[in-house]
Amino acid sequence: MRKFSSGAIFACVAGLCLVATGCTQVANLQARMKFREANGHYAGQEWREAITAYEETLAFNPTDAQLTTSYFFLGNSYDNLYQPSRQGTPANDELLTKAVENYKRAAEVIPTDETCINCAQIKTLSLQYLVAAYGPDKLNDPSQAEPLLLQMIQIDPKEVPNYVLLAQLYEDSGDYERAEATLQKAREARPNDPAVYANLAAYYDRQGQFDNLVEALNQRIAQEPSNPEAHYTLATYYFNKGSRDFSISTAEKVKYANAGVAAVDKALELNKDYMDALVYKGLLLRLQANLDKNPARQQALLKEADQLRNRAEELRKQKAAGLAG
């Protein structure tokens, strides 16, 4: 039996290591080149070409931290090829299946450390798009979406949109108690975020809880008192309540119309050329005129409403001229 010296064995192993290292380096280089190619196709919305290039990227190197983001872009390319109008067609449905598989893989393997550029954001996007894939216009499976949203909230407890999506899921399934509780948790997580209160207000509006709606909008105003849109939004809800709710008394309509004018006046104090606010103040004044029994006050209110309408139209024309120029 032929024997080899330890030196010969070492030399042989070292040589194999060099070959392996060289192959690895070549594969890494090829992977990165394919990744750049894939990103170009993705940016150009060339979804099929992007799919091929991302799959080749992962075949060359499936473990590199930055390259693992390929799973998200691969899934999203399949997702963009999917057509909801052709649901039930096997080839079309397979696209969505592959999108879900890759979104899941992306959520599992993409790291979140700072050495991987934008990886944390892309991992979050993977979960968000996965939730959307289980939505009513695609797989329509809310039971799969709920644990994903809970996972997203756990990853980033201060990301308000995740609470909103989860609350919407509960609301759509008729679980209103959990929907409201979820939005309140968002408020606890971000008590100074105006969007939290805007979403609460929208929920209370859908549920017909007007007093809670007003409270939420006033809490929003407390967070951004210098934002004219916050005051304007409150005014629009007062107008809708006073003009469209036929179950309330005339005295209540007057109260809401007056409150709406007060709110819209604050918006105009902050921005005198706020065109939408001018329009709504005119509407509120006309509502006041319809509710007022004094002819002189009615005419004064209608005259002011006309002036506001003309001012809003003047601003609209100025804006249109500016865009045309």
C-alpha atoms as a PDB file:
ATOM      1  CA  MET A   1       0.000   0.000   0.000  1.00  0.00           C
ATOM      2  CA  ARG A   2       1.379   3.337  -1.014  1.00  0.00           C
ATOM      3  CA  LYS A   3       1.977   5.774   1.821  1.00  0.00           C
ATOM      4  CA  PHE A   4       1.906   9.565   1.666  1.00  0.00           C
ATOM      5  CA  SER A   5       3.938  11.812   3.892  1.00  0.00           C
ATOM      6  CA  SER A   6       2.144  14.269   6.162  1.00  0.00           C
ATOM      7  CA  GLY A   7       3.704  17.058   4.158  1.00  0.00           C
ATOM      8  CA  ALA A   8       2.228  15.725   0.951  1.00  0.00           C
ATOM      9  CA  ILE A   9      -1.192  15.375   2.549  1.00  0.00           C
ATOM     10  CA  PHE A  10      -1.010  18.963   3.853  1.00  0.00           C
ATOM     11  CA  ALA A  11      -0.026  20.219   0.435  1.00  0.00           C
ATOM     12  CA  CYS A  12      -2.895  18.344  -1.158  1.00  0.00           C
ATOM     13  CA  VAL A  13      -5.469  19.671   1.341  1.00  0.00           C
ATOM     14  CA  ALA A  14      -4.126  23.186   1.017  1.00  0.00           C
ATOM     15  CA  GLY A  15      -4.414  22.944  -2.734  1.00  0.00           C
ATOM     16  CA  LEU A  16      -8.039  21.790  -2.489  1.00  0.00           C
ATOM     17  CA  CYS A  17      -8.813  24.659  -0.121  1.00  0.00           C
ATOM     18  CA  LEU A  18      -7.374  27.136  -2.583  1.00  0.00           C
ATOM     19  CA  VAL A  19      -9.495  25.645  -5.359  1.00  0.00           C
ATOM     20  CA  ALA A  20     -12.610  25.761  -3.132  1.00  0.00           C
ATOM     21  CA  THR A  21     -11.861  29.329  -2.080  1.00  0.00           C
ATOM     22  CA  GLY A  22     -11.371  30.333  -5.675  1.00  0.00           C
ATOM     23  CA  CYS A  23     -14.658  28.713  -6.698  1.00  0.00           C
ATOM     24  CA  THR A  24     -16.439  30.444  -3.848  1.00  0.00           C
ATOM     25  CA  GLN A  25     -15.036  33.797  -4.861  1.00  0.00           C
ATOM     26  CA  VAL A  26     -16.084  33.246  -8.451  1.00  0.00           C
ATOM     27  CA  ALA A  27     -19.594  32.243  -7.357  1.00  0.00           C
ATOM     28  CA  ASN A  28     -19.871  35.317  -5.134  1.00  0.00           C
ATOM     29  CA  LEU A  29     -18.787  37.552  -8.008  1.00  0.00           C
ATOM     30  CA  GLN A  30     -21.269  35.924 -10.367  1.00  0.00           C
ATOM     31  CA  ALA A  31     -24.016  36.266  -7.761  1.00  0.00           C
ATOM     32  CA  ARG A  32     -23.397  39.967  -7.330  1.00  0.00           C
ATOM     33  CA  MET A  33     -23.294  40.553 -11.065  1.00  0.00           C
ATOM     34  CA  LYS A  34     -26.613  38.735 -11.441  1.00  0.00           C
ATOM     35  CA  PHE A  35     -28.049  40.704  -8.533  1.00  0.00           C
ATOM     36  CA  ARG A  36     -27.229  43.989 -10.275  1.00  0.00           C
ATOM     37  CA  GLU A  37     -28.725  42.659 -13.489  1.00  0.00           C
ATOM     38  CA  ALA A  38     -31.855  41.526 -11.655  1.00  0.00           C
ATOM     39  CA  ASN A  39     -32.262  44.908  -9.961  1.00  0.00           C
ATOM     40  CA  GLY A  40     -32.095  46.590 -13.358  1.00  0.00           C
ATOM     41  CA  HIS A  41     -34.878  44.358 -14.707  1.00  0.00           C
ATOM     42  CA  TYR A  42     -36.924  44.936 -11.545  1.00  0.00           C
ATOM     43  CA  ALA A  43     -36.573  48.731 -11.802  1.00  0.00           C
ATOM     44  CA  GLY A  44     -37.693  48.504 -15.430  1.00  0.00           C
ATOM     45  CA  GLN A  45     -40.720  46.361 -14.451  1.00  0.00           C
ATOM     46  CA  GLU A  46     -39.383  43.509 -16.556  1.00  0.00           C
ATOM     47  CA  TRP A  47     -40.786  40.945 -14.157  1.00  0.00           C
ATOM     48  CA  ARG A  48     -40.002  37.719 -15.998  1.00  0.00           C
ATOM     49  CA  GLU A  49     -36.421  38.739 -16.697  1.00  0.00           C
ATOM     50  CA  ALA A  50     -36.070  39.842 -13.054  1.00  0.00           C
ATOM     51  CA  ILE A  51     -37.331  36.436 -11.866  1.00  0.00           C
ATOM     52  CA  THR A  52     -34.738  34.594 -13.927  1.00  0.00           C
ATOM     53  CA  ALA A  53     -31.911  36.845 -12.747  1.00  0.00           C
ATOM     54  CA  TYR A  54     -32.884  36.710  -9.055  1.00  0.00           C
ATOM     55  CA  GLU A  55     -33.179  32.925  -9.200  1.00  0.00           C
ATOM     56  CA  GLU A  56     -29.698  32.739 -10.737  1.00  0.00           C
ATOM     57  CA  THR A  57     -28.396  35.101  -8.047  1.00  0.00           C
ATOM     58  CA  LEU A  58     -29.621  32.777  -5.314  1.00  0.00           C
ATOM     59  CA  ALA A  59     -28.324  29.717  -7.141  1.00  0.00           C
ATOM     60  CA  PHE A  60     -24.822  31.228  -7.089  1.00  0.00           C
ATOM     61  CA  ASN A  61     -25.016  32.391  -3.461  1.00  0.00           C
ATOM     62  CA  PRO A  62     -28.123  31.851  -1.308  1.00  0.00           C
ATOM     63  CA  THR A  63     -26.530  32.876   2.001  1.00  0.00           C
ATOM     64  CA  ASP A  64     -24.921  36.287   1.483  1.00  0.00           C
ATOM     65  CA  ALA A  65     -26.804  38.727   3.763  1.00  0.00           C
ATOM     66  CA  GLN A  66     -27.349  41.410   1.134  1.00  0.00           C
ATOM     67  CA  LEU A  67     -28.261  38.919  -1.571  1.00  0.00           C
ATOM     68  CA  THR A  68     -30.973  37.322   0.581  1.00  0.00           C
ATOM     69  CA  THR A  69     -33.089  40.379  -0.254  1.00  0.00           C
ATOM     70  CA  SER A  70     -33.446  38.680  -3.651  1.00  0.00           C
ATOM     71  CA  TYR A  71     -36.179  36.544  -2.086  1.00  0.00           C
ATOM     72  CA  PHE A  72     -38.358  39.621  -1.560  1.00  0.00           C
ATOM     73  CA  PHE A  73     -37.788  41.005  -5.058  1.00  0.00           C
ATOM     74  CA  LEU A  74     -38.312  37.550  -6.541  1.00  0.00           C
ATOM     75  CA  GLY A  75     -41.604  37.206  -4.682  1.00  0.00           C
ATOM     76  CA  ASN A  76     -42.699  40.667  -5.675  1.00  0.00           C
ATOM     77  CA  SER A  77     -41.902  40.004  -9.323  1.00  0.00           C
ATOM     78  CA  TYR A  78     -44.172  36.943  -9.240  1.00  0.00           C
ATOM     79  CA  ASP A  79     -46.767  39.040  -7.395  1.00  0.00           C
ATOM     80  CA  ASN A  80     -46.704  41.710 -10.091  1.00  0.00           C
ATOM     81  CA  LEU A  81     -47.298  39.087 -12.774  1.00  0.00           C
ATOM     82  CA  TYR A  82     -50.336  37.733 -10.918  1.00  0.00           C
ATOM     83  CA  GLN A  83     -53.709  38.988 -12.220  1.00  0.00           C
ATOM     84  CA  PRO A  84     -56.663  38.919  -9.768  1.00  0.00           C
ATOM     85  CA  SER A  85     -59.060  38.970 -12.734  1.00  0.00           C
ATOM     86  CA  ARG A  86     -57.690  35.579 -13.835  1.00  0.00           C
ATOM     87  CA  GLN A  87     -58.016  33.945 -10.426  1.00  0.00           C
ATOM     88  CA  GLY A  88     -58.687  30.231 -10.805  1.00  0.00           C
ATOM     89  CA  THR A  89     -56.419  29.853 -13.813  1.00  0.00           C
ATOM     90  CA  PRO A  90     -53.725  27.351 -12.722  1.00  0.00           C
ATOM     91  CA  ALA A  91     -50.776  29.153 -14.307  1.00  0.00           C
ATOM     92  CA  ASN A  92     -51.900  32.481 -12.866  1.00  0.00           C
ATOM     93  CA  ASP A  93     -52.558  31.032  -9.393  1.00  0.00           C
ATOM     94  CA  GLU A  94     -49.111  29.441  -9.419  1.00  0.00           C
ATOM     95  CA  LEU A  95     -47.598  32.919  -9.684  1.00  0.00           C
ATOM     96  CA  LEU A  96     -49.238  33.912  -6.404  1.00  0.00           C
ATOM     97  CA  THR A  97     -48.132  30.658  -4.772  1.00  0.00           C
ATOM     98  CA  LYS A  98     -44.535  31.390  -5.730  1.00  0.00           C
ATOM     99  CA  ALA A  99     -44.877  34.988  -4.536  1.00  0.00           C
ATOM    100  CA  VAL A 100     -46.033  33.783  -1.113  1.00  0.00           C
ATOM    101  CA  GLU A 101     -43.240  31.195  -0.911  1.00  0.00           C
ATOM    102  CA  ASN A 102     -40.588  33.819  -1.571  1.00  0.00           C
ATOM    103  CA  TYR A 103     -42.117  36.434   0.740  1.00  0.00           C
ATOM    104  CA  LYS A 104     -42.071  33.822   3.505  1.00  0.00           C
ATOM    105  CA  ARG A 105     -38.483  32.892   2.747  1.00  0.00           C
ATOM    106  CA  ALA A 106     -37.496  36.569   2.743  1.00  0.00           C
ATOM    107  CA  ALA A 107     -39.119  37.105   6.129  1.00  0.00           C
ATOM    108  CA  GLU A 108     -37.222  34.100   7.488  1.00  0.00           C
ATOM    109  CA  VAL A 109     -33.694  34.686   6.191  1.00  0.00           C
ATOM    110  CA  ILE A 110     -33.167  38.407   5.599  1.00  0.00           C
ATOM    111  CA  PRO A 111     -31.096  39.743   8.526  1.00  0.00           C
ATOM    112  CA  THR A 112     -31.914  42.970  10.326  1.00  0.00           C
ATOM    113  CA  ASP A 113     -28.450  44.027  11.485  1.00  0.00           C
ATOM    114  CA  GLU A 114     -27.061  47.369  10.353  1.00  0.00           C
ATOM    115  CA  THR A 115     -24.322  45.803   8.223  1.00  0.00           C
ATOM    116  CA  CYS A 116     -26.964  44.768   5.695  1.00  0.00           C
ATOM    117  CA  ILE A 117     -28.113  47.895   3.858  1.00  0.00           C
ATOM    118  CA  ASN A 118     -31.914  48.373   3.900  1.00  0.00           C
ATOM    119  CA  CYS A 119     -32.394  44.745   4.964  1.00  0.00           C
ATOM    120  CA  ALA A 120     -34.616  45.568   7.945  1.00  0.00           C
ATOM    121  CA  GLN A 121     -36.936  47.629   5.736  1.00  0.00           C
ATOM    122  CA  ILE A 122     -37.070  44.926   3.064  1.00  0.00           C
ATOM    123  CA  LYS A 123     -37.809  42.253   5.668  1.00  0.00           C
ATOM    124  CA  THR A 124     -40.730  44.375   6.878  1.00  0.00           C
ATOM    125  CA  LEU A 125     -41.911  44.852   3.285  1.00  0.00           C
ATOM    126  CA  SER A 126     -41.833  41.076   2.854  1.00  0.00           C
ATOM    127  CA  LEU A 127     -44.249  40.674   5.753  1.00  0.00           C
ATOM    128  CA  GLN A 128     -46.461  43.513   4.535  1.00  0.00           C
ATOM    129  CA  TYR A 129     -46.751  42.087   1.030  1.00  0.00           C
ATOM    130  CA  LEU A 130     -47.341  38.641   2.494  1.00  0.00           C
ATOM    131  CA  VAL A 131     -50.249  40.062   4.488  1.00  0.00           C
ATOM    132  CA  ALA A 132     -51.584  41.655   1.293  1.00  0.00           C
ATOM    133  CA  ALA A 133     -51.326  38.296  -0.498  1.00  0.00           C
ATOM    134  CA  TYR A 134     -53.759  36.869   2.045  1.00  0.00           C
ATOM    135  CA  GLY A 135     -56.142  39.784   1.433  1.00  0.00           C
ATOM    136  CA  PRO A 136     -59.669  39.594  -0.055  1.00  0.00           C
ATOM    137  CA  ASP A 137     -58.565  40.254  -3.660  1.00  0.00           C
ATOM    138  CA  LYS A 138     -56.012  37.433  -3.600  1.00  0.00           C
ATOM    139  CA  LEU A 139     -55.956  34.389  -1.300  1.00  0.00           C
ATOM    140  CA  ASN A 140     -58.665  35.792   0.997  1.00  0.00           C
ATOM    141  CA  ASP A 141     -57.371  34.021   4.089  1.00  0.00           C
ATOM    142  CA  PRO A 142     -57.385  36.432   7.074  1.00  0.00           C
ATOM    143  CA  SER A 143     -56.457  33.614   9.454  1.00  0.00           C
ATOM    144  CA  GLN A 144     -53.027  33.553   7.808  1.00  0.00           C
ATOM    145  CA  ALA A 145     -52.681  37.333   7.898  1.00  0.00           C
ATOM    146  CA  GLU A 146     -53.342  37.794  11.628  1.00  0.00           C
ATOM    147  CA  PRO A 147     -50.213  36.015  12.956  1.00  0.00           C
ATOM    148  CA  LEU A 148     -48.082  37.868  10.414  1.00  0.00           C
ATOM    149  CA  LEU A 149     -49.389  41.231  11.575  1.00  0.00           C
ATOM    150  CA  LEU A 150     -48.839  40.262  15.196  1.00  0.00           C
ATOM    151  CA  GLN A 151     -45.281  39.308  14.252  1.00  0.00           C
ATOM    152  CA  MET A 152     -44.775  42.663  12.530  1.00  0.00           C
ATOM    153  CA  ILE A 153     -46.042  44.501  15.618  1.00  0.00           C
ATOM    154  CA  GLN A 154     -43.687  42.484  17.782  1.00  0.00           C
ATOM    155  CA  ILE A 155     -40.740  43.342  15.516  1.00  0.00           C
ATOM    156  CA  ASP A 156     -41.556  47.058  15.571  1.00  0.00           C
ATOM    157  CA  PRO A 157     -44.142  47.992  18.232  1.00  0.00           C
ATOM    158  CA  LYS A 158     -44.139  51.632  17.155  1.00  0.00           C
ATOM    159  CA  GLU A 159     -45.049  51.049  13.493  1.00  0.00           C
ATOM    160  CA  VAL A 160     -48.619  52.395  13.397  1.00  0.00           C
ATOM    161  CA  PRO A 161     -49.661  51.029   9.944  1.00  0.00           C
ATOM    162  CA  ASN A 162     -49.327  47.468  11.235  1.00  0.00           C
ATOM    163  CA  TYR A 163     -51.878  48.147  13.976  1.00  0.00           C
ATOM    164  CA  VAL A 164     -54.176  49.738  11.406  1.00  0.00           C
ATOM    165  CA  LEU A 165     -53.975  46.700   9.118  1.00  0.00           C
ATOM    166  CA  LEU A 166     -54.666  44.345  12.017  1.00  0.00           C
ATOM    167  CA  ALA A 167     -57.594  46.462  13.199  1.00  0.00           C
ATOM    168  CA  GLN A 168     -59.006  46.492   9.659  1.00  0.00           C
ATOM    169  CA  LEU A 169     -58.745  42.705   9.562  1.00  0.00           C
ATOM    170  CA  TYR A 170     -60.708  42.420  12.808  1.00  0.00           C
ATOM    171  CA  GLU A 171     -63.256  44.988  11.655  1.00  0.00           C
ATOM    172  CA  ASP A 172     -63.812  43.193   8.342  1.00  0.00           C
ATOM    173  CA  SER A 173     -64.469  39.965  10.233  1.00  0.00           C
ATOM    174  CA  GLY A 174     -66.984  41.708  12.544  1.00  0.00           C
ATOM    175  CA  ASP A 175     -64.776  41.636  15.642  1.00  0.00           C
ATOM    176  CA  TYR A 176     -65.274  45.313  16.493  1.00  0.00           C
ATOM    177  CA  GLU A 177     -64.101  45.029  20.067  1.00  0.00           C
ATOM    178  CA  ARG A 178     -60.674  43.758  19.027  1.00  0.00           C
ATOM    179  CA  ALA A 179     -60.512  46.263  16.170  1.00  0.00           C
ATOM    180  CA  GLU A 180     -60.964  49.192  18.551  1.00  0.00           C
ATOM    181  CA  ALA A 181     -58.603  47.660  21.131  1.00  0.00           C
ATOM    182  CA  THR A 182     -55.902  47.303  18.456  1.00  0.00           C
ATOM    183  CA  LEU A 183     -56.182  50.962  17.456  1.00  0.00           C
ATOM    184  CA  GLN A 184     -56.008  51.941  21.120  1.00  0.00           C
ATOM    185  CA  LYS A 185     -52.813  49.897  21.435  1.00  0.00           C
ATOM    186  CA  ALA A 186     -51.420  51.942  18.561  1.00  0.00           C
ATOM    187  CA  ARG A 187     -52.246  55.070  20.564  1.00  0.00           C
ATOM    188  CA  GLU A 188     -50.417  53.623  23.572  1.00  0.00           C
ATOM    189  CA  ALA A 189     -47.397  52.847  21.383  1.00  0.00           C
ATOM    190  CA  ARG A 190     -47.319  56.281  19.693  1.00  0.00           C
ATOM    191  CA  PRO A 191     -49.316  58.722  21.847  1.00  0.00           C
ATOM    192  CA  ASN A 192     -47.840  61.765  20.081  1.00  0.00           C
ATOM    193  CA  ASP A 193     -48.507  60.550  16.538  1.00  0.00           C
ATOM    194  CA  PRO A 194     -51.423  62.433  14.896  1.00  0.00           C
ATOM    195  CA  ALA A 195     -52.016  59.513  12.508  1.00  0.00           C
ATOM    196  CA  VAL A 196     -53.065  57.341  15.448  1.00  0.00           C
ATOM    197  CA  TYR A 197     -55.971  59.640  16.235  1.00  0.00           C
ATOM    198  CA  ALA A 198     -56.912  60.091  12.574  1.00  0.00           C
ATOM    199  CA  ASN A 199     -57.236  56.314  12.225  1.00  0.00           C
ATOM    200  CA  LEU A 200     -59.268  56.082  15.425  1.00  0.00           C
ATOM    201  CA  ALA A 201     -61.571  58.809  14.134  1.00  0.00           C
ATOM    202  CA  ALA A 202     -62.051  57.003  10.823  1.00  0.00           C
ATOM    203  CA  TYR A 203     -62.942  53.821  12.714  1.00  0.00           C
ATOM    204  CA  TYR A 204     -65.475  55.618  14.921  1.00  0.00           C
ATOM    205  CA  ASP A 205     -66.954  57.244  11.826  1.00  0.00           C
ATOM    206  CA  ARG A 206     -67.544  53.830  10.239  1.00  0.00           C
ATOM    207  CA  GLN A 207     -69.128  52.627  13.473  1.00  0.00           C
ATOM    208  CA  GLY A 208     -71.366  55.689  13.792  1.00  0.00           C
ATOM    209  CA  GLN A 209     -69.800  56.754  17.099  1.00  0.00           C
ATOM    210  CA  PHE A 210     -69.765  60.500  16.531  1.00  0.00           C
ATOM    211  CA  ASP A 211     -68.796  61.643  20.028  1.00  0.00           C
ATOM    212  CA  ASN A 212     -65.796  59.297  20.047  1.00  0.00           C
ATOM    213  CA  LEU A 213     -64.907  60.521  16.573  1.00  0.00           C
ATOM    214  CA  VAL A 214     -64.852  64.143  17.717  1.00  0.00           C
ATOM    215  CA  GLU A 215     -62.782  63.254  20.765  1.00  0.00           C
ATOM    216  CA  ALA A 216     -60.227  61.458  18.602  1.00  0.00           C
ATOM    217  CA  LEU A 217     -59.990  64.403  16.187  1.00  0.00           C
ATOM    218  CA  ASN A 218     -59.555  66.851  19.065  1.00  0.00           C
ATOM    219  CA  GLN A 219     -56.756  64.640  20.378  1.00  0.00           C
ATOM    220  CA  ARG A 220     -55.184  64.790  16.934  1.00  0.00           C
ATOM    221  CA  ILE A 221     -55.424  68.593  16.981  1.00  0.00           C
ATOM    222  CA  ALA A 222     -53.725  68.611  20.382  1.00  0.00           C
ATOM    223  CA  GLN A 223     -50.734  66.871  18.770  1.00  0.00           C
ATOM    224  CA  GLU A 224     -50.536  69.269  15.803  1.00  0.00           C
ATOM    225  CA  PRO A 225     -52.393  72.493  16.648  1.00  0.00           C
ATOM    226  CA  SER A 226     -50.617  74.400  13.867  1.00  0.00           C
ATOM    227  CA  ASN A 227     -51.790  72.055  11.129  1.00  0.00           C
ATOM    228  CA  PRO A 228     -54.782  73.662   9.369  1.00  0.00           C
ATOM    229  CA  GLU A 229     -55.794  70.313   7.863  1.00  0.00           C
ATOM    230  CA  ALA A 230     -56.436  68.889  11.340  1.00  0.00           C
ATOM    231  CA  HIS A 231     -58.942  71.674  12.141  1.00  0.00           C
ATOM    232  CA  TYR A 232     -60.455  71.480   8.651  1.00  0.00           C
ATOM    233  CA  THR A 233     -61.050  67.727   8.975  1.00  0.00           C
ATOM    234  CA  LEU A 234     -62.979  68.249  12.210  1.00  0.00           C
ATOM    235  CA  ALA A 235     -65.087  70.898  10.473  1.00  0.00           C
ATOM    236  CA  THR A 236     -66.023  68.494   7.658  1.00  0.00           C
ATOM    237  CA  TYR A 237     -67.318  65.935  10.141  1.00  0.00           C
ATOM    238  CA  TYR A 238     -69.383  68.589  11.920  1.00  0.00           C
ATOM    239  CA  PHE A 239     -70.886  69.622   8.578  1.00  0.00           C
ATOM    240  CA  ASN A 240     -71.723  66.033   7.641  1.00  0.00           C
ATOM    241  CA  LYS A 241     -73.365  65.442  11.012  1.00  0.00           C
ATOM    242  CA  GLY A 242     -75.375  68.656  10.918  1.00  0.00           C
ATOM    243  CA  SER A 243     -76.541  68.347   7.317  1.00  0.00           C
ATOM    244  CA  ARG A 244     -77.012  64.593   6.809  1.00  0.00           C
ATOM    245  CA  ASP A 245     -78.165  63.127  10.106  1.00  0.00           C
ATOM    246  CA  PHE A 246     -81.956  63.442   9.969  1.00  0.00           C
ATOM    247  CA  SER A 247     -82.377  61.742  13.338  1.00  0.00           C
ATOM    248  CA  ILE A 248     -81.113  64.746  15.329  1.00  0.00           C
ATOM    249  CA  SER A 249     -83.030  67.824  16.395  1.00  0.00           C
ATOM    250  CA  THR A 250     -82.754  71.293  14.882  1.00  0.00           C
ATOM    251  CA  ALA A 251     -81.025  72.521  18.022  1.00  0.00           C
ATOM    252  CA  GLU A 252     -78.389  69.795  17.630  1.00  0.00           C
ATOM    253  CA  LYS A 253     -77.908  70.702  13.969  1.00  0.00           C
ATOM    254  CA  VAL A 254     -77.340  74.329  14.971  1.00  0.00           C
ATOM    255  CA  LYS A 255     -74.807  73.196  17.586  1.00  0.00           C
ATOM    256  CA  TYR A 256     -72.861  71.152  15.045  1.00  0.00           C
ATOM    257  CA  ALA A 257     -72.986  73.880  12.409  1.00  0.00           C
ATOM    258  CA  ASN A 258     -71.604  76.414  14.913  1.00  0.00           C
ATOM    259  CA  ALA A 259     -68.885  74.001  16.009  1.00  0.00           C
ATOM    260  CA  GLY A 260     -67.977  73.394  12.367  1.00  0.00           C
ATOM    261  CA  VAL A 261     -67.602  77.126  11.693  1.00  0.00           C
ATOM    262  CA  ALA A 262     -65.396  77.496  14.768  1.00  0.00           C
ATOM    263  CA  ALA A 263     -63.174  74.635  13.581  1.00  0.00           C
ATOM    264  CA  VAL A 264     -62.877  75.870  10.014  1.00  0.00           C
ATOM    265  CA  ASP A 265     -62.121  79.399  11.225  1.00  0.00           C
ATOM    266  CA  LYS A 266     -59.094  77.999  13.057  1.00  0.00           C
ATOM    267  CA  ALA A 267     -57.947  76.350   9.840  1.00  0.00           C
ATOM    268  CA  LEU A 268     -58.284  79.652   7.971  1.00  0.00           C
ATOM    269  CA  GLU A 269     -56.444  81.526  10.709  1.00  0.00           C
ATOM    270  CA  LEU A 270     -53.499  79.243  10.002  1.00  0.00           C
ATOM    271  CA  ASN A 271     -53.890  79.446   6.218  1.00  0.00           C
ATOM    272  CA  LYS A 272     -56.178  82.141   4.829  1.00  0.00           C
ATOM    273  CA  ASP A 273     -55.866  80.699   1.314  1.00  0.00           C
ATOM    274  CA  TYR A 274     -56.864  77.154   2.276  1.00  0.00           C
ATOM    275  CA  MET A 275     -59.217  76.543  -0.624  1.00  0.00           C
ATOM    276  CA  ASP A 276     -61.015  73.480   0.767  1.00  0.00           C
ATOM    277  CA  ALA A 277     -61.539  75.227   4.090  1.00  0.00           C
ATOM    278  CA  LEU A 278     -63.074  78.209   2.283  1.00  0.00           C
ATOM    279  CA  VAL A 279     -65.460  75.877   0.462  1.00  0.00           C
ATOM    280  CA  TYR A 280     -66.517  74.119   3.655  1.00  0.00           C
ATOM    281  CA  LYS A 281     -66.983  77.346   5.558  1.00  0.00           C
ATOM    282  CA  GLY A 282     -69.344  78.430   2.813  1.00  0.00           C
ATOM    283  CA  LEU A 283     -71.267  75.175   3.158  1.00  0.00           C
ATOM    284  CA  LEU A 284     -71.439  75.552   6.921  1.00  0.00           C
ATOM    285  CA  LEU A 285     -72.711  79.123   6.605  1.00  0.00           C
ATOM    286  CA  ARG A 286     -75.433  77.956   4.239  1.00  0.00           C
ATOM    287  CA  LEU A 287     -76.357  75.272   6.752  1.00  0.00           C
ATOM    288  CA  GLN A 288     -76.574  77.956   9.438  1.00  0.00           C
ATOM    289  CA  ALA A 289     -78.757  80.074   7.148  1.00  0.00           C
ATOM    290  CA  ASN A 290     -81.135  77.168   6.538  1.00  0.00           C
ATOM    291  CA  LEU A 291     -81.496  76.673  10.278  1.00  0.00           C
ATOM    292  CA  ASP A 292     -81.882  80.350  11.168  1.00  0.00           C
ATOM    293  CA  LYS A 293     -85.390  81.835  11.366  1.00  0.00           C
ATOM    294  CA  ASN A 294     -84.211  85.444  11.130  1.00  0.00           C
ATOM    295  CA  PRO A 295     -84.341  86.646   7.471  1.00  0.00           C
ATOM    296  CA  ALA A 296     -81.707  89.336   7.986  1.00  0.00           C
ATOM    297  CA  ARG A 297     -79.217  86.887   9.501  1.00  0.00           C
ATOM    298  CA  GLN A 298     -80.024  84.392   6.748  1.00  0.00           C
ATOM    299  CA  GLN A 299     -79.162  86.907   4.038  1.00  0.00           C
ATOM    300  CA  ALA A 300     -75.962  87.955   5.803  1.00  0.00           C
ATOM    301  CA  LEU A 301     -74.852  84.336   6.089  1.00  0.00           C
ATOM    302  CA  LEU A 302     -75.665  83.594   2.452  1.00  0.00           C
ATOM    303  CA  LYS A 303     -73.823  86.717   1.303  1.00  0.00           C
ATOM    304  CA  GLU A 304     -70.702  85.685   3.216  1.00  0.00           C
ATOM    305  CA  ALA A 305     -71.022  82.148   1.818  1.00  0.00           C
ATOM    306  CA  ASP A 306     -71.115  83.567  -1.724  1.00  0.00           C
ATOM    307  CA  GLN A 307     -67.985  85.627  -1.037  1.00  0.00           C
ATOM    308  CA  LEU A 308     -66.165  82.549   0.227  1.00  0.00           C
ATOM    309  CA  ARG A 309     -67.263  80.554  -2.814  1.00  0.00           C
ATOM    310  CA  ASN A 310     -65.944  83.290  -5.115  1.00  0.00           C
ATOM    311  CA  ARG A 311     -62.657  83.447  -3.220  1.00  0.00           C
ATOM    312  CA  ALA A 312     -62.242  79.677  -3.470  1.00  0.00           C
ATOM    313  CA  GLU A 313     -62.965  79.805  -7.209  1.00  0.00           C
ATOM    314  CA  GLU A 314     -60.413  82.600  -7.638  1.00  0.00           C
ATOM    315  CA  LEU A 315     -57.770  80.517  -5.870  1.00  0.00           C
ATOM    316  CA  ARG A 316     -58.661  77.499  -8.006  1.00  0.00           C
ATOM    317  CA  LYS A 317     -58.148  79.507 -11.196  1.00  0.00           C
ATOM    318  CA  GLN A 318     -54.844  80.887  -9.915  1.00  0.00           C
ATOM    319  CA  LYS A 319     -53.667  77.390  -9.142  1.00  0.00           C
ATOM    320  CA  ALA A 320     -54.735  76.104 -12.553  1.00  0.00           C
ATOM    321  CA  ALA A 321     -52.963  78.996 -14.259  1.00  0.00           C
ATOM    322  CA  GLY A 322     -49.822  78.285 -12.275  1.00  0.00           C
ATOM    323  CA  LEU A 323     -49.851  74.625 -13.278  1.00  0.00           C
ATOM    324  CA  ALA A 324     -50.461  75.551 -16.918  1.00  0.00           C
ATOM    325  CA  GLY A 325     -47.577  78.029 -16.852  1.00  0.00           C
END
